[in-house]
Amino acid sequence: MTAKKNLEEPETKEIRVVSLDEMSYGELSDFEEIVGSLPTDGTMEGVPIGKMMIALGYITARRTDPTVTIEEIRNLPIGSIVMDSEEVNPN
């Protein structure tokens, strides 16, 4: 008899992103390293959305789980990283 696969949905993780103003200089440097640049005009216009979401999710998640990896953040489904602050929201 073969074992049945567990067909339950994996637990979805949600990360609520911190505002750029709440980041340390080290976190800002990490953001720049992941994205390739910083917003120079105070807005997120022109910043690659995917890289920005990965950077913000990684930086925020690392505050509560220092073992989290960028790869784990990359593997999260879209919608897992939530921007609450108007200061972070690129719209």
C-alpha atoms as a PDB file:
ATOM      1  CA  MET A   1       0.000   0.000   0.000  1.00  0.00           C
ATOM      2  CA  THR A   2       1.408   3.399  -0.931  1.00  0.00           C
ATOM      3  CA  ALA A   3       1.363   6.399   1.360  1.00  0.00           C
ATOM      4  CA  LYS A   4      -1.027   9.195   0.427  1.00  0.00           C
ATOM      5  CA  LYS A   5       0.438  12.566  -0.339  1.00  0.00           C
ATOM      6  CA  ASN A   6      -0.533  15.405   1.948  1.00  0.00           C
ATOM      7  CA  LEU A   7      -2.730  17.568  -0.270  1.00  0.00           C
ATOM      8  CA  GLU A   8      -3.285  20.324   2.258  1.00  0.00           C
ATOM      9  CA  GLU A   9      -2.459  23.820   1.106  1.00  0.00           C
ATOM     10  CA  PRO A  10       0.799  25.112   2.546  1.00  0.00           C
ATOM     11  CA  GLU A  11       0.443  27.780   5.199  1.00  0.00           C
ATOM     12  CA  THR A  12       0.583  31.162   3.522  1.00  0.00           C
ATOM     13  CA  LYS A  13       2.886  33.655   5.083  1.00  0.00           C
ATOM     14  CA  GLU A  14       2.090  37.352   5.074  1.00  0.00           C
ATOM     15  CA  ILE A  15       4.731  40.011   5.533  1.00  0.00           C
ATOM     16  CA  ARG A  16       3.615  43.566   6.329  1.00  0.00           C
ATOM     17  CA  VAL A  17       6.349  45.829   5.015  1.00  0.00           C
ATOM     18  CA  VAL A  18       7.954  48.554   7.098  1.00  0.00           C
ATOM     19  CA  SER A  19       8.175  52.121   5.827  1.00  0.00           C
ATOM     20  CA  LEU A  20      11.460  53.217   4.269  1.00  0.00           C
ATOM     21  CA  ASP A  21      11.719  55.803   7.051  1.00  0.00           C
ATOM     22  CA  GLU A  22      11.719  52.976   9.622  1.00  0.00           C
ATOM     23  CA  MET A  23      14.721  51.215   8.066  1.00  0.00           C
ATOM     24  CA  SER A  24      18.204  51.363   9.476  1.00  0.00           C
ATOM     25  CA  TYR A  25      21.075  52.441   7.226  1.00  0.00           C
ATOM     26  CA  GLY A  26      22.137  48.805   7.038  1.00  0.00           C
ATOM     27  CA  GLU A  27      18.673  47.781   5.854  1.00  0.00           C
ATOM     28  CA  LEU A  28      18.699  50.622   3.336  1.00  0.00           C
ATOM     29  CA  SER A  29      22.027  49.317   2.060  1.00  0.00           C
ATOM     30  CA  ASP A  30      20.526  45.806   1.766  1.00  0.00           C
ATOM     31  CA  PHE A  31      17.617  47.293  -0.202  1.00  0.00           C
ATOM     32  CA  GLU A  32      20.071  49.009  -2.555  1.00  0.00           C
ATOM     33  CA  GLU A  33      22.072  45.792  -2.987  1.00  0.00           C
ATOM     34  CA  ILE A  34      18.990  43.706  -3.874  1.00  0.00           C
ATOM     35  CA  VAL A  35      17.274  46.281  -6.098  1.00  0.00           C
ATOM     36  CA  GLY A  36      20.388  47.817  -7.606  1.00  0.00           C
ATOM     37  CA  SER A  37      19.526  51.383  -6.644  1.00  0.00           C
ATOM     38  CA  LEU A  38      17.630  53.555  -4.220  1.00  0.00           C
ATOM     39  CA  PRO A  39      14.720  55.806  -5.128  1.00  0.00           C
ATOM     40  CA  THR A  40      16.466  59.119  -5.759  1.00  0.00           C
ATOM     41  CA  ASP A  41      13.413  61.353  -5.925  1.00  0.00           C
ATOM     42  CA  GLY A  42      11.669  60.069  -2.813  1.00  0.00           C
ATOM     43  CA  THR A  43       9.242  57.901  -4.783  1.00  0.00           C
ATOM     44  CA  MET A  44       9.382  54.310  -5.946  1.00  0.00           C
ATOM     45  CA  GLU A  45       8.731  55.307  -9.558  1.00  0.00           C
ATOM     46  CA  GLY A  46      11.175  53.517 -11.838  1.00  0.00           C
ATOM     47  CA  VAL A  47      12.203  50.961  -9.202  1.00  0.00           C
ATOM     48  CA  PRO A  48      11.730  47.355 -10.442  1.00  0.00           C
ATOM     49  CA  ILE A  49       8.608  46.148  -8.601  1.00  0.00           C
ATOM     50  CA  GLY A  50       9.651  42.503  -8.211  1.00  0.00           C
ATOM     51  CA  LYS A  51      13.073  43.348  -6.806  1.00  0.00           C
ATOM     52  CA  MET A  52      11.568  46.021  -4.581  1.00  0.00           C
ATOM     53  CA  MET A  53       9.004  43.597  -3.132  1.00  0.00           C
ATOM     54  CA  ILE A  54      11.683  40.963  -2.520  1.00  0.00           C
ATOM     55  CA  ALA A  55      13.930  43.535  -0.831  1.00  0.00           C
ATOM     56  CA  LEU A  56      11.170  44.964   1.367  1.00  0.00           C
ATOM     57  CA  GLY A  57       9.853  41.509   2.269  1.00  0.00           C
ATOM     58  CA  TYR A  58      13.319  40.210   3.093  1.00  0.00           C
ATOM     59  CA  ILE A  59      14.284  43.221   5.210  1.00  0.00           C
ATOM     60  CA  THR A  60      11.001  43.159   7.108  1.00  0.00           C
ATOM     61  CA  ALA A  61      10.938  39.378   7.643  1.00  0.00           C
ATOM     62  CA  ARG A  62      14.533  39.385   8.869  1.00  0.00           C
ATOM     63  CA  ARG A  63      13.528  41.637  11.770  1.00  0.00           C
ATOM     64  CA  THR A  64      11.577  38.766  13.340  1.00  0.00           C
ATOM     65  CA  ASP A  65      13.408  35.816  11.760  1.00  0.00           C
ATOM     66  CA  PRO A  66      17.125  36.458  11.179  1.00  0.00           C
ATOM     67  CA  THR A  67      17.452  33.054   9.486  1.00  0.00           C
ATOM     68  CA  VAL A  68      15.115  33.921   6.601  1.00  0.00           C
ATOM     69  CA  THR A  69      16.750  33.830   3.171  1.00  0.00           C
ATOM     70  CA  ILE A  70      16.126  35.861   0.052  1.00  0.00           C
ATOM     71  CA  GLU A  71      15.281  32.598  -1.704  1.00  0.00           C
ATOM     72  CA  GLU A  72      12.474  31.934   0.803  1.00  0.00           C
ATOM     73  CA  ILE A  73      11.073  35.390   0.076  1.00  0.00           C
ATOM     74  CA  ARG A  74      11.381  34.806  -3.692  1.00  0.00           C
ATOM     75  CA  ASN A  75       9.317  31.628  -3.314  1.00  0.00           C
ATOM     76  CA  LEU A  76       6.387  33.328  -1.554  1.00  0.00           C
ATOM     77  CA  PRO A  77       3.220  33.676  -3.630  1.00  0.00           C
ATOM     78  CA  ILE A  78       2.362  37.135  -4.934  1.00  0.00           C
ATOM     79  CA  GLY A  79       0.194  38.866  -2.372  1.00  0.00           C
ATOM     80  CA  SER A  80       2.210  37.594   0.592  1.00  0.00           C
ATOM     81  CA  ILE A  81       4.097  40.864   0.934  1.00  0.00           C
ATOM     82  CA  VAL A  82       1.697  43.604   1.956  1.00  0.00           C
ATOM     83  CA  MET A  83       2.395  47.319   1.870  1.00  0.00           C
ATOM     84  CA  ASP A  84       0.375  49.091   4.546  1.00  0.00           C
ATOM     85  CA  SER A  85       2.136  52.427   4.518  1.00  0.00           C
ATOM     86  CA  GLU A  86       1.415  55.103   1.923  1.00  0.00           C
ATOM     87  CA  GLU A  87       5.106  55.982   2.126  1.00  0.00           C
ATOM     88  CA  VAL A  88       6.025  52.527   0.803  1.00  0.00           C
ATOM     89  CA  ASN A  89       3.150  52.021  -1.622  1.00  0.00           C
ATOM     90  CA  PRO A  90       4.379  52.719  -5.180  1.00  0.00           C
ATOM     91  CA  ASN A  91       0.901  53.649  -6.485  1.00  0.00           C
END
